[in-house]
N, C-alpha and C. Protein backbone atom coordinates (compact mmCIF):
# COMPACT_ATOMS: atom_id res chain seq x y z
N MET A 1 0.49 -1.28 -0.17
CA MET A 1 -0.14 -0.02 0.02
C MET A 1 0.54 1.28 -0.22
N SER A 2 0.43 2.72 -1.08
CA SER A 2 1.13 3.29 -0.85
C SER A 2 0.94 4.28 0.24
N LYS A 3 1.23 5.59 0.27
CA LYS A 3 1.24 6.76 1.69
C LYS A 3 0.69 7.80 0.91
N ASP A 4 -0.30 7.43 -0.23
CA ASP A 4 -1.11 8.06 -0.72
C ASP A 4 -2.38 8.27 -0.34
N HIS A 5 -2.53 8.14 0.97
CA HIS A 5 -3.63 8.06 1.52
C HIS A 5 -4.09 9.46 3.08
N PHE A 6 -2.29 10.27 3.08
CA PHE A 6 -2.63 11.19 3.67
C PHE A 6 -2.37 12.42 2.04
N VAL A 7 -1.83 12.81 1.02
CA VAL A 7 -1.20 13.62 0.18
C VAL A 7 -3.15 13.44 -0.99
N LEU A 8 -3.07 14.96 -0.51
CA LEU A 8 -4.41 15.08 -0.78
C LEU A 8 -4.55 16.00 -2.22
N THR A 9 -5.59 15.68 -2.68
CA THR A 9 -5.75 15.57 -4.57
C THR A 9 -7.25 17.15 -4.31
N ALA A 10 -8.35 17.27 -3.76
CA ALA A 10 -8.86 18.36 -3.51
C ALA A 10 -9.10 18.80 -2.37
N VAL A 11 -9.36 20.00 -2.10
CA VAL A 11 -10.23 21.21 -1.09
C VAL A 11 -11.19 21.49 -1.56
N GLU A 12 -12.53 21.54 -0.56
CA GLU A 12 -13.36 22.58 -1.70
C GLU A 12 -13.93 22.75 -0.02
N PRO A 13 -13.50 24.16 0.38
CA PRO A 13 -14.49 24.92 1.22
C PRO A 13 -15.48 25.15 1.91
N LEU A 14 -15.83 24.15 2.20
CA LEU A 14 -17.78 24.16 2.83
C LEU A 14 -18.06 25.29 3.75
N PRO A 15 -20.10 25.65 3.24
CA PRO A 15 -20.41 26.87 4.70
C PRO A 15 -19.99 26.03 5.89
N ASN A 16 -20.28 26.99 7.31
CA ASN A 16 -19.90 27.24 7.98
C ASN A 16 -18.72 26.53 8.71
N TYR A 17 -17.40 26.72 7.98
CA TYR A 17 -16.19 26.01 8.29
C TYR A 17 -15.73 24.87 8.40
N GLY A 18 -16.91 24.11 6.82
CA GLY A 18 -16.37 22.48 6.82
C GLY A 18 -15.28 22.45 5.92
N LEU A 19 -14.62 22.30 5.56
CA LEU A 19 -13.33 21.48 4.44
C LEU A 19 -14.54 19.78 3.73
N ARG A 20 -14.20 19.92 2.32
CA ARG A 20 -14.47 18.27 1.71
C ARG A 20 -13.13 18.53 0.98
N LEU A 21 -12.55 16.49 2.29
CA LEU A 21 -10.91 16.80 1.51
C LEU A 21 -11.38 15.42 1.25
N THR A 22 -10.79 15.73 -0.58
CA THR A 22 -9.99 14.17 -0.77
C THR A 22 -9.10 13.39 -1.21
N TYR A 23 -8.95 12.49 -0.39
CA TYR A 23 -6.95 12.64 -0.66
C TYR A 23 -6.82 10.91 -2.36
N ALA A 24 -5.62 10.96 -1.91
CA ALA A 24 -4.83 10.64 -3.71
C ALA A 24 -5.62 9.30 -3.90
N ASP A 25 -5.54 8.36 -2.32
CA ASP A 25 -6.32 7.28 -2.76
C ASP A 25 -7.43 6.75 -2.65
N GLY A 26 -8.10 7.61 -2.52
CA GLY A 26 -9.69 8.08 -2.91
C GLY A 26 -10.56 8.37 -2.71
N GLN A 27 -10.32 7.84 -1.22
CA GLN A 27 -10.86 8.31 0.15
C GLN A 27 -11.14 10.18 0.69
N ALA A 28 -12.85 9.91 0.46
CA ALA A 28 -12.92 11.87 0.65
C ALA A 28 -13.89 11.86 1.54
N PHE A 29 -13.96 13.04 3.22
CA PHE A 29 -13.39 13.80 3.94
C PHE A 29 -14.90 14.42 4.23
N THR A 30 -15.36 14.94 4.91
CA THR A 30 -16.34 16.44 5.43
C THR A 30 -15.79 16.44 6.96
N VAL A 31 -14.78 17.15 7.27
CA VAL A 31 -14.64 17.57 8.50
C VAL A 31 -15.31 19.37 8.27
N ASP A 32 -15.58 19.38 10.00
CA ASP A 32 -15.98 20.45 10.98
C ASP A 32 -14.60 21.46 11.62
N LEU A 33 -14.19 22.59 11.00
CA LEU A 33 -13.12 23.53 11.53
C LEU A 33 -13.59 24.46 12.80
N ARG A 34 -14.67 24.20 12.71
CA ARG A 34 -15.65 25.48 13.76
C ARG A 34 -15.31 25.53 15.00
N GLU A 35 -14.83 24.77 15.64
CA GLU A 35 -14.91 24.08 17.15
C GLU A 35 -12.53 24.69 17.49
N ARG A 36 -12.33 24.09 16.79
CA ARG A 36 -11.04 23.74 16.25
C ARG A 36 -10.63 25.97 16.07
N ILE A 37 -11.20 26.61 15.37
CA ILE A 37 -10.95 27.19 15.57
C ILE A 37 -11.01 28.52 15.83
N ARG A 38 -12.28 28.13 16.90
CA ARG A 38 -13.10 28.94 17.74
C ARG A 38 -11.78 29.17 19.05
N THR A 39 -11.33 27.54 19.16
CA THR A 39 -10.62 27.15 20.62
C THR A 39 -8.75 27.43 19.81
N THR A 40 -8.39 27.79 19.17
CA THR A 40 -6.63 27.63 18.80
C THR A 40 -6.83 28.69 18.24
N SER A 41 -5.76 29.60 18.97
CA SER A 41 -5.39 30.97 18.21
C SER A 41 -4.95 31.66 17.65
N PHE A 42 -3.55 30.24 16.58
CA PHE A 42 -3.53 30.35 15.48
C PHE A 42 -4.34 29.73 14.65
N LEU A 43 -5.57 29.81 14.43
CA LEU A 43 -6.13 29.64 13.94
C LEU A 43 -7.43 30.82 13.83
N ALA A 44 -7.69 31.97 15.10
CA ALA A 44 -8.60 32.75 14.64
C ALA A 44 -8.52 33.67 13.24
N PRO A 45 -8.00 33.86 12.76
CA PRO A 45 -7.73 34.26 11.33
C PRO A 45 -8.69 33.46 10.50
N LEU A 46 -9.19 32.02 10.35
CA LEU A 46 -9.84 31.44 9.40
C LEU A 46 -11.29 31.89 9.84
N GLU A 47 -11.92 33.15 11.02
CA GLU A 47 -12.82 33.40 11.77
C GLU A 47 -13.22 34.31 10.00
N ASN A 48 -12.97 34.83 9.64
CA ASN A 48 -12.83 35.38 8.80
C ASN A 48 -13.17 34.66 7.41
N ALA A 49 -14.68 34.12 6.97
CA ALA A 49 -15.56 33.96 6.01
C ALA A 49 -14.51 34.00 4.54
N THR A 50 -14.43 34.70 4.59
CA THR A 50 -13.42 35.12 3.29
C THR A 50 -12.69 34.63 3.14
N LEU A 51 -11.64 34.87 4.11
CA LEU A 51 -10.16 33.71 3.96
C LEU A 51 -10.23 32.58 4.07
N PHE A 52 -11.05 32.64 4.89
CA PHE A 52 -12.17 30.38 4.88
C PHE A 52 -11.83 30.44 3.61
N ALA A 53 -12.24 30.17 2.78
CA ALA A 53 -12.86 30.09 1.51
C ALA A 53 -11.59 30.00 0.71
N GLN A 54 -10.87 30.58 0.87
CA GLN A 54 -9.27 30.38 0.60
C GLN A 54 -8.72 28.71 0.62
N ALA A 55 -8.98 28.56 0.34
CA ALA A 55 -8.06 26.69 1.20
C ALA A 55 -8.30 26.02 -0.32
N LYS A 56 -6.94 25.53 -0.13
CA LYS A 56 -6.43 24.62 -1.11
C LYS A 56 -5.40 23.62 -0.52
N PRO A 57 -5.25 22.92 -1.90
CA PRO A 57 -4.58 21.66 -1.07
C PRO A 57 -2.43 22.76 -0.95
N GLY A 58 -1.87 21.73 -0.09
CA GLY A 58 -0.60 23.01 -0.27
C GLY A 58 0.42 21.86 -1.10
N PHE A 59 2.08 22.39 -0.13
CA PHE A 59 2.92 21.76 -1.08
C PHE A 59 2.31 19.98 -1.23
N ALA A 60 2.74 19.42 -2.05
CA ALA A 60 2.72 18.13 -2.38
C ALA A 60 1.87 17.07 -2.06
N GLY A 61 0.17 18.10 -1.52
CA GLY A 61 -0.54 17.63 -0.99
C GLY A 61 -0.57 17.20 0.45
N ARG A 62 0.51 17.69 1.02
CA ARG A 62 0.50 17.27 2.45
C ARG A 62 0.22 18.17 3.50
N SER A 63 -0.83 19.33 3.04
CA SER A 63 -1.89 20.46 3.96
C SER A 63 -2.58 20.73 3.11
N VAL A 64 -3.51 21.38 4.00
CA VAL A 64 -4.60 22.10 3.40
C VAL A 64 -3.99 23.38 3.83
N ASP A 65 -3.81 24.71 2.68
CA ASP A 65 -3.11 26.16 3.09
C ASP A 65 -4.16 27.70 2.49
N TRP A 66 -4.11 27.94 3.79
CA TRP A 66 -4.94 29.54 3.57
C TRP A 66 -3.98 30.54 3.07
N VAL A 67 -2.74 30.81 3.82
CA VAL A 67 -1.58 31.74 3.91
C VAL A 67 -0.56 30.61 4.16
N GLU A 68 0.37 30.77 2.59
CA GLU A 68 1.50 29.39 2.59
C GLU A 68 2.47 29.99 3.20
N ASP A 69 2.92 28.81 3.78
CA ASP A 69 4.09 28.97 4.97
C ASP A 69 3.79 29.15 6.05
N GLU A 70 2.76 30.09 6.48
CA GLU A 70 2.15 30.98 7.69
C GLU A 70 0.92 30.18 7.97
N LEU A 71 0.02 29.86 7.35
CA LEU A 71 -1.60 29.66 8.30
C LEU A 71 -1.65 28.36 7.56
N ASP A 72 -1.90 26.98 7.61
CA ASP A 72 -1.80 25.26 7.55
C ASP A 72 -2.68 24.48 8.60
N LEU A 73 -3.02 23.57 7.39
CA LEU A 73 -3.03 22.00 8.87
C LEU A 73 -3.51 20.61 7.84
N GLY A 74 -1.84 20.25 8.99
CA GLY A 74 -1.56 18.66 7.96
C GLY A 74 -2.31 18.11 7.57
N SER A 75 -2.57 17.01 6.67
CA SER A 75 -3.38 16.44 6.11
C SER A 75 -3.57 15.35 6.32
N ASP A 76 -2.38 14.65 6.94
CA ASP A 76 -2.94 13.74 8.52
C ASP A 76 -3.88 14.43 9.51
N ASN A 77 -4.08 15.11 10.24
CA ASN A 77 -4.47 15.65 11.37
C ASN A 77 -5.25 15.89 10.75
N LEU A 78 -5.84 15.78 9.31
CA LEU A 78 -7.26 16.72 8.25
C LEU A 78 -7.37 14.94 8.46
N ARG A 79 -7.59 14.12 7.89
CA ARG A 79 -7.83 13.23 8.18
C ARG A 79 -7.59 12.40 9.23
N HIS A 80 -7.22 12.82 10.53
CA HIS A 80 -7.36 12.03 11.47
C HIS A 80 -8.99 12.59 12.21
N LEU A 81 -8.69 13.95 12.28
CA LEU A 81 -9.80 14.05 12.78
C LEU A 81 -11.10 14.33 12.64
N ALA A 82 -11.00 13.90 10.97
CA ALA A 82 -12.75 14.07 10.11
C ALA A 82 -13.07 12.32 10.20
N VAL A 83 -12.00 11.27 10.36
CA VAL A 83 -12.03 10.03 11.15
C VAL A 83 -13.17 9.94 12.27
N GLU A 84 -12.74 10.96 13.51
CA GLU A 84 -12.68 11.31 14.92
C GLU A 84 -14.69 11.46 14.87
N GLN A 85 -14.72 12.74 13.79
CA GLN A 85 -16.09 12.80 14.37
C GLN A 85 -17.20 12.49 12.92
N ALA A 86 -16.37 11.75 12.60
CA ALA A 86 -17.60 10.45 11.64
C ALA A 86 -17.36 9.70 12.17
N GLY A 87 -16.94 9.07 13.62
CA GLY A 87 -17.50 8.45 14.69
C GLY A 87 -15.87 6.65 14.52
N GLY A 88 -15.77 7.20 13.84
CA GLY A 88 -14.38 6.33 13.45
C GLY A 88 -13.51 6.25 14.76
N ILE A 89 -11.86 5.83 15.02
CA ILE A 89 -11.05 5.81 15.09
C ILE A 89 -10.21 5.95 14.56
N GLY A 90 -9.15 7.52 14.87
CA GLY A 90 -8.43 7.80 13.84
C GLY A 90 -6.66 6.83 14.24
N HIS A 91 -6.20 7.43 13.40
CA HIS A 91 -4.93 6.14 14.00
C HIS A 91 -3.96 7.53 14.77
N GLU A 92 -3.66 8.00 14.54
CA GLU A 92 -3.34 8.96 15.98
C GLU A 92 -3.54 8.67 17.40
N ARG A 93 -4.56 7.42 17.76
CA ARG A 93 -5.12 7.26 19.17
C ARG A 93 -4.21 5.93 19.09
N ILE A 94 -3.71 5.21 18.02
CA ILE A 94 -2.73 4.23 17.98
C ILE A 94 -1.78 4.83 18.70
N TRP A 95 -0.70 5.70 18.14
CA TRP A 95 0.59 6.31 18.01
C TRP A 95 0.82 6.54 19.67
N SER A 96 -0.48 7.17 20.28
CA SER A 96 -0.37 7.61 21.58
C SER A 96 -1.10 6.49 22.35
N TRP A 97 -1.90 5.65 22.06
CA TRP A 97 -1.58 3.95 22.83
C TRP A 97 -0.03 3.73 23.19
N LEU A 98 0.89 3.02 21.83
CA LEU A 98 1.68 2.67 21.84
C LEU A 98 3.03 3.91 23.14
N GLU A 99 2.46 5.41 23.00
CA GLU A 99 3.63 5.43 23.29
C GLU A 99 3.01 5.73 25.19
N ASP A 100 2.00 5.80 25.34
CA ASP A 100 1.88 5.98 27.38
C ASP A 100 1.97 4.33 27.58
N THR A 101 1.52 4.00 26.62
CA THR A 101 2.65 1.59 26.97
C THR A 101 3.25 2.08 27.27
N GLY A 102 3.86 2.41 26.28
CA GLY A 102 5.73 1.84 26.30
C GLY A 102 6.28 0.52 25.30
N LEU A 103 4.71 0.29 25.12
CA LEU A 103 4.90 -1.09 24.58
C LEU A 103 5.94 -1.15 23.18
N THR A 104 6.58 -2.44 23.01
CA THR A 104 7.03 -2.50 21.19
C THR A 104 6.11 -2.55 20.37
N LEU A 105 6.48 -2.38 19.25
CA LEU A 105 5.43 -2.51 18.33
C LEU A 105 5.16 -4.42 18.27
N GLU A 106 5.84 -5.23 18.48
CA GLU A 106 6.30 -6.66 18.94
C GLU A 106 5.43 -7.28 19.72
N GLN A 107 5.91 -6.24 20.50
CA GLN A 107 4.61 -6.47 22.27
C GLN A 107 3.28 -5.82 22.07
N ALA A 108 3.31 -5.16 22.06
CA ALA A 108 1.33 -4.49 21.57
C ALA A 108 0.75 -5.25 20.73
N ALA A 109 1.47 -5.36 19.41
CA ALA A 109 0.71 -6.97 18.62
C ALA A 109 0.34 -7.68 19.40
N GLU A 110 0.98 -8.22 19.68
CA GLU A 110 0.72 -9.97 20.44
C GLU A 110 -0.58 -9.64 21.55
N ALA A 111 -0.48 -8.58 22.23
CA ALA A 111 -1.29 -7.87 23.45
C ALA A 111 -2.83 -8.61 22.62
N LEU A 112 -2.88 -7.76 21.63
CA LEU A 112 -3.96 -6.84 20.61
C LEU A 112 -4.27 -9.06 20.11
N GLY A 113 -3.02 -9.33 19.86
CA GLY A 113 -3.36 -10.77 18.53
C GLY A 113 -3.80 -10.90 17.68
N ILE A 114 -2.65 -9.30 17.31
CA ILE A 114 -3.09 -9.64 15.75
C ILE A 114 -1.17 -9.07 15.27
N SER A 115 -0.91 -9.65 14.02
CA SER A 115 0.10 -9.71 13.57
C SER A 115 1.47 -7.40 13.71
N ARG A 116 2.67 -7.56 13.52
CA ARG A 116 3.12 -6.35 13.92
C ARG A 116 2.59 -5.93 12.31
N ARG A 117 2.53 -6.14 10.89
CA ARG A 117 2.38 -5.66 10.00
C ARG A 117 0.78 -5.35 10.32
N MET A 118 -0.17 -5.71 10.68
CA MET A 118 -1.34 -4.85 11.08
C MET A 118 -1.72 -4.26 11.82
N LEU A 119 -0.67 -4.12 13.09
CA LEU A 119 -0.34 -3.11 14.02
C LEU A 119 -0.42 -1.64 13.32
N ILE A 120 1.47 -1.80 12.30
CA ILE A 120 2.03 -0.76 11.53
C ILE A 120 0.96 -0.48 10.46
N TYR A 121 0.15 -1.30 9.97
CA TYR A 121 -1.61 -0.38 8.83
C TYR A 121 -2.45 0.58 9.96
N TYR A 122 -2.50 0.10 11.05
CA TYR A 122 -3.88 0.55 11.82
C TYR A 122 -2.67 1.98 12.49
N ARG A 123 -1.31 1.85 12.50
CA ARG A 123 -0.55 3.28 13.29
C ARG A 123 -0.45 4.14 12.43
N ASP A 124 -0.10 3.79 11.36
CA ASP A 124 -0.25 4.97 9.96
C ASP A 124 -1.06 5.26 8.90
N GLY A 125 -2.30 4.74 9.66
CA GLY A 125 -3.42 5.60 8.69
C GLY A 125 -3.66 4.29 7.89
N GLU A 126 -3.53 3.89 7.42
CA GLU A 126 -3.78 3.06 5.94
C GLU A 126 -4.72 1.82 5.95
N LYS A 127 -4.85 1.69 7.12
CA LYS A 127 -6.36 1.18 7.41
C LYS A 127 -7.68 1.18 8.34
N PRO A 128 -8.26 1.14 7.78
CA PRO A 128 -9.28 1.52 9.25
C PRO A 128 -9.01 0.96 10.85
N ILE A 129 -9.03 1.48 11.98
CA ILE A 129 -9.06 0.67 12.70
C ILE A 129 -10.32 0.38 13.61
N PRO A 130 -10.45 -1.22 13.29
CA PRO A 130 -11.79 -1.74 13.82
C PRO A 130 -11.87 -1.72 15.59
N ARG A 131 -13.50 -1.19 15.35
CA ARG A 131 -13.77 -0.57 17.04
C ARG A 131 -13.15 -2.05 18.31
N ALA A 132 -13.03 -2.83 17.66
CA ALA A 132 -12.41 -4.30 18.93
C ALA A 132 -11.43 -3.70 19.22
N ILE A 133 -10.38 -3.38 18.06
CA ILE A 133 -9.28 -3.46 17.97
C ILE A 133 -8.77 -1.96 18.90
N TRP A 134 -9.71 -1.47 19.17
CA TRP A 134 -9.29 -0.47 19.83
C TRP A 134 -9.77 -0.30 21.35
N LEU A 135 -11.08 -1.35 21.75
CA LEU A 135 -11.69 -0.95 22.82
C LEU A 135 -9.92 -2.45 23.39
N ALA A 136 -9.84 -3.69 22.51
CA ALA A 136 -9.02 -3.69 23.02
C ALA A 136 -7.59 -3.07 23.68
N CYS A 137 -6.87 -2.00 22.82
CA CYS A 137 -6.50 -1.39 23.70
C CYS A 137 -6.70 -0.88 24.58
N LEU A 138 -7.64 -0.16 24.79
CA LEU A 138 -7.71 -0.60 25.88
C LEU A 138 -8.83 -0.75 26.69
N GLY A 139 -8.80 -1.98 27.42
CA GLY A 139 -8.99 -3.31 28.10
C GLY A 139 -7.53 -3.52 28.71
N TRP A 140 -6.59 -3.28 27.27
CA TRP A 140 -4.78 -2.87 27.89
C TRP A 140 -4.39 -2.38 28.70
N GLU A 141 -5.34 -0.99 28.31
CA GLU A 141 -4.63 -0.37 29.29
C GLU A 141 -5.24 -0.37 30.48
N ALA A 142 -6.60 -0.60 30.99
CA ALA A 142 -7.32 -1.03 32.03
C ALA A 142 -6.32 -2.23 32.91
N VAL A 143 -6.18 -2.91 32.20
CA VAL A 143 -5.63 -4.12 33.39
C VAL A 143 -4.19 -4.54 33.86
N ARG A 144 -3.86 -3.55 32.62
CA ARG A 144 -1.38 -4.49 32.30
C ARG A 144 -2.54 -5.29 32.70
N PRO A 145 -2.14 -6.36 31.77
CA PRO A 145 -1.14 -7.69 31.80
C PRO A 145 -0.11 -7.93 32.17
N LYS A 146 0.42 -8.56 32.48
CA LYS A 146 2.03 -9.05 32.50
C LYS A 146 1.23 -10.69 31.96
N GLY A 147 2.44 -10.61 31.58
CA GLY A 147 3.05 -12.21 30.79
C GLY A 147 2.39 -12.23 29.50
N SER A 148 1.94 -13.31 29.36
CA SER A 148 0.68 -13.68 28.20
C SER A 148 -0.21 -14.33 28.90
N SER A 149 -0.94 -14.15 30.93
CA SER A 149 -2.16 -14.58 30.75
C SER A 149 -2.87 -13.60 30.74
N LEU A 150 -4.16 -13.83 30.57
CA LEU A 150 -4.73 -12.45 30.76
C LEU A 150 -5.38 -12.56 32.35
N PRO A 151 -5.60 -11.57 32.82
CA PRO A 151 -7.05 -11.56 33.81
C PRO A 151 -8.57 -11.73 33.80
N LEU A 152 -8.48 -12.76 34.73
CA LEU A 152 -10.20 -13.04 34.34
C LEU A 152 -10.96 -12.45 34.71
N HIS A 153 -10.98 -10.88 35.16
CA HIS A 153 -12.09 -10.44 35.88
C HIS A 153 -11.60 -7.85 35.32
N VAL A 154 -12.43 -7.49 35.59
CA VAL A 154 -11.51 -5.94 35.57
C VAL A 154 -11.38 -5.57 36.26
N PRO A 155 -10.06 -4.47 37.05
CA PRO A 155 -9.96 -4.60 37.78
C PRO A 155 -11.19 -3.44 38.86
N SER A 156 -10.81 -3.50 40.51
CA SER A 156 -11.59 -2.76 41.25
C SER A 156 -11.46 -1.57 40.97
N ALA A 157 -12.00 0.55 41.38
CA ALA A 157 -10.90 1.32 41.21
C ALA A 157 -10.19 1.37 42.20
N GLN A 158 -10.03 0.39 43.13
CA GLN A 158 -8.55 0.71 43.98
C GLN A 158 -7.78 -0.72 43.43
N GLU A 159 -7.90 -1.35 42.40
CA GLU A 159 -6.77 -2.06 41.61
C GLU A 159 -6.18 -1.14 40.73
N TYR A 160 -6.84 -0.28 39.83
CA TYR A 160 -6.91 -0.03 38.58
C TYR A 160 -5.68 1.47 39.45
N ALA A 161 -5.55 2.07 40.06
CA ALA A 161 -5.33 2.61 41.28
C ALA A 161 -3.59 2.18 40.83
N ALA A 162 -4.10 1.13 41.68
CA ALA A 162 -2.59 0.96 41.62
C ALA A 162 -1.58 0.10 40.68
N LEU A 163 -2.77 -0.56 39.97
CA LEU A 163 -1.68 -1.00 38.49
C LEU A 163 -1.07 0.10 38.17
N HIS A 164 -2.46 1.77 37.77
CA HIS A 164 -1.40 3.18 37.39
C HIS A 164 -0.34 3.64 37.92
N ALA A 165 0.40 3.10 39.36
CA ALA A 165 0.49 3.73 40.52
C ALA A 165 2.09 4.20 39.63
N GLY A 166 2.82 5.60 40.70
CA GLY A 166 4.00 5.72 39.42
C GLY A 166 4.53 4.91 38.42
């Protein structure tokens, strides 16, 4: 699979601070930026509807640009946000989970019962993350199993606190 899943081929500004994004892998997403613009200081200039309407693909399709080299958003971050807004699980969650747990790719793949290659597909956004995989990540985080045996119950609040202490 190629890395085209983060390369934008088209950007269409929509009413109310939305964007229709089309990627080189043929996928199209709609993303709502109202809240981000309202709460992120560097995006405040985009409250100007005329400026917002000037959105276009940036260099090599790796961003949406409004003002070149000054005001842009990464195409990978926008895809993640669009997936999350549509109710999916964005690839950045796997990155964060790996960092938070300190697991290697091999350890994480084994913990989830999938191949290392499949975990890389999910982490890199090349394949959508199934709900069951994300729930397994959350479950692993909750119980932090030691070794290959899985716990037989969900930890109590006290057990959970002890598992996550320092």
